[in-house]
């Protein structure tokens, strides 16, 4: 099974506001950058979108190391929140519907296709791929906001 490194980041100008997401897929020294824009969104939606779009870019089942600076995304899996939400009918601890449910459901479906390892990256700390993803996501906002 191929091992792919997936680096992700999201950015938002205002929260909510215009936002961008970016992902870099790396496999055996080859890289693919992808990014996108949403007119009205939140930072959390952009962080989730980056991971989703990165996984969607894979053409076959892979081992995937997902690098993210988003505690929101990482903790949902590493701390098991997502599994509790599913068991509880997508309700959080306050018995409210989980925010960004559409994206969480899409992400859950995509993670079933791959062997995932979640890796926390400290944001804005000089990590090359994280900085590149941040720049790509911010560029999407800058290029699309009039």
Protein backbone atom coordinates (compact mmCIF):
# COMPACT_ATOMS: atom_id res chain seq x y z
CA UNK A 1 0.00 0.00 0.00
CA UNK A 2 1.33 3.43 -0.94
CA UNK A 3 2.27 5.85 1.85
CA UNK A 4 1.11 9.40 1.15
CA UNK A 5 1.77 12.43 3.32
CA UNK A 6 -1.13 14.90 3.29
CA UNK A 7 -0.48 18.39 4.63
CA UNK A 8 -3.51 20.62 5.14
CA UNK A 9 -4.57 24.07 6.28
CA UNK A 10 -7.52 26.40 6.14
CA UNK A 11 -7.81 30.18 6.40
CA UNK A 12 -10.67 32.57 6.86
CA UNK A 13 -10.86 36.37 6.63
CA UNK A 14 -13.32 36.98 9.41
CA UNK A 15 -15.05 34.06 11.04
CA UNK A 16 -17.42 33.72 9.27
CA UNK A 17 -16.17 35.30 6.09
CA UNK A 18 -14.41 34.41 2.87
CA UNK A 19 -12.14 31.42 3.26
CA UNK A 20 -9.59 29.24 1.57
CA UNK A 21 -8.32 25.73 2.03
CA UNK A 22 -5.16 24.04 0.80
CA UNK A 23 -3.57 20.62 0.75
CA UNK A 24 -0.25 19.25 -0.41
CA UNK A 25 -0.01 15.57 -1.20
CA UNK A 26 3.49 14.09 -1.15
CA UNK A 27 4.39 10.63 -2.42
CA UNK A 28 7.98 9.47 -2.96
CA UNK A 29 9.24 13.02 -3.41
CA UNK A 30 6.50 14.06 -5.84
CA UNK A 31 4.10 16.76 -4.70
CA UNK A 32 0.66 17.93 -5.74
CA UNK A 33 -0.79 21.20 -4.44
CA UNK A 34 -4.55 21.79 -4.42
CA UNK A 35 -6.54 24.67 -3.00
CA UNK A 36 -9.94 26.29 -3.15
CA UNK A 37 -12.17 29.12 -2.00
CA UNK A 38 -15.56 29.64 -0.41
CA UNK A 39 -17.28 33.00 -0.36
CA UNK A 40 -18.89 32.68 3.09
CA UNK A 41 -17.54 30.10 5.52
CA UNK A 42 -15.70 29.53 8.79
CA UNK A 43 -12.15 28.58 9.64
CA UNK A 44 -13.26 25.17 10.92
CA UNK A 45 -15.04 24.44 7.64
CA UNK A 46 -11.90 25.34 5.73
CA UNK A 47 -9.73 23.09 7.92
CA UNK A 48 -12.14 20.20 7.31
CA UNK A 49 -12.38 20.98 3.59
CA UNK A 50 -8.61 20.82 3.22
CA UNK A 51 -8.50 17.28 4.60
CA UNK A 52 -11.55 16.17 2.60
CA UNK A 53 -10.25 17.55 -0.70
CA UNK A 54 -6.83 16.05 -0.05
CA UNK A 55 -8.30 12.60 0.54
CA UNK A 56 -10.57 12.98 -2.48
CA UNK A 57 -7.49 13.55 -4.65
CA UNK A 58 -6.21 10.04 -3.91
CA UNK A 59 -6.91 7.56 -6.69
CA UNK A 60 -6.52 4.37 -4.65
CA UNK A 61 -6.50 3.04 -1.11
CA UNK A 62 -3.41 4.34 0.72
CA UNK A 63 -1.74 4.73 4.06
CA UNK A 64 -2.09 8.45 4.73
CA UNK A 65 -0.24 10.56 7.27
CA UNK A 66 -2.45 13.62 7.70
CA UNK A 67 -0.61 16.64 9.06
CA UNK A 68 -2.85 19.37 10.46
CA UNK A 69 -2.55 22.35 12.77
CA UNK A 70 -6.28 22.15 13.53
CA UNK A 71 -7.00 20.86 17.01
CA UNK A 72 -10.68 20.79 15.96
CA UNK A 73 -10.03 18.22 13.21
CA UNK A 74 -7.31 16.25 14.98
CA UNK A 75 -9.06 15.94 18.33
CA UNK A 76 -12.28 14.73 16.74
CA UNK A 77 -10.41 11.58 15.75
CA UNK A 78 -7.63 11.34 18.32
CA UNK A 79 -9.91 11.97 21.31
CA UNK A 80 -12.76 9.95 19.83
CA UNK A 81 -15.28 12.80 19.64
CA UNK A 82 -16.40 11.75 16.18
CA UNK A 83 -17.27 8.25 17.35
CA UNK A 84 -19.28 9.63 20.28
CA UNK A 85 -21.09 12.01 17.94
CA UNK A 86 -22.01 9.12 15.67
CA UNK A 87 -23.23 6.95 18.55
CA UNK A 88 -25.31 9.88 19.81
CA UNK A 89 -27.00 10.58 16.47
CA UNK A 90 -24.51 13.35 15.61
CA UNK A 91 -25.29 15.24 18.81
CA UNK A 92 -22.56 16.85 20.89
CA UNK A 93 -22.25 16.77 24.68
CA UNK A 94 -24.80 19.61 24.88
CA UNK A 95 -27.30 17.47 22.92
CA UNK A 96 -27.05 19.86 19.96
CA UNK A 97 -26.44 18.80 16.39
CA UNK A 98 -22.71 18.76 15.67
CA UNK A 99 -21.56 21.80 13.69
CA UNK A 100 -20.33 21.11 10.16
CA UNK A 101 -22.17 17.80 10.11
CA UNK A 102 -22.07 17.58 6.30
CA UNK A 103 -18.28 17.82 6.30
CA UNK A 104 -17.79 15.42 9.21
CA UNK A 105 -19.93 12.82 7.46
CA UNK A 106 -17.99 13.27 4.21
CA UNK A 107 -14.69 12.97 6.09
CA UNK A 108 -15.80 9.83 7.93
CA UNK A 109 -16.71 8.21 4.62
CA UNK A 110 -13.33 9.11 3.11
CA UNK A 111 -11.33 7.86 6.09
CA UNK A 112 -12.91 4.41 5.67
CA UNK A 113 -11.07 4.05 2.37
CA UNK A 114 -7.58 4.57 3.79
CA UNK A 115 -5.32 3.76 6.74
CA UNK A 116 -5.05 7.13 8.47
CA UNK A 117 -2.49 8.43 10.93
CA UNK A 118 -3.20 11.90 12.35
CA UNK A 119 -0.20 14.10 13.09
CA UNK A 120 -0.41 17.44 14.91
CA UNK A 121 1.66 20.29 13.51
CA UNK A 122 2.10 23.51 15.42
CA UNK A 123 0.74 26.26 13.18
CA UNK A 124 2.96 29.16 12.12
CA UNK A 125 6.02 27.53 13.60
CA UNK A 126 8.17 27.27 10.49
CA UNK A 127 7.01 23.81 9.36
CA UNK A 128 7.61 24.06 5.60
CA UNK A 129 4.52 22.22 4.39
CA UNK A 130 2.25 23.87 6.94
CA UNK A 131 3.53 27.30 5.94
CA UNK A 132 3.04 26.48 2.26
CA UNK A 133 -0.53 25.29 2.86
CA UNK A 134 -1.25 28.42 4.89
CA UNK A 135 0.08 30.61 2.07
CA UNK A 136 -1.96 28.72 -0.55
CA UNK A 137 -5.16 29.01 1.51
CA UNK A 138 -4.60 32.72 2.17
CA UNK A 139 -3.85 33.28 -1.53
CA UNK A 140 -7.23 31.80 -2.39
CA UNK A 141 -8.87 34.38 -0.14
CA UNK A 142 -6.78 37.25 -1.49
CA UNK A 143 -7.36 36.26 -5.13
CA UNK A 144 -11.12 35.86 -4.75
CA UNK A 145 -12.14 38.75 -2.48
CA UNK A 146 -12.95 41.86 -4.45
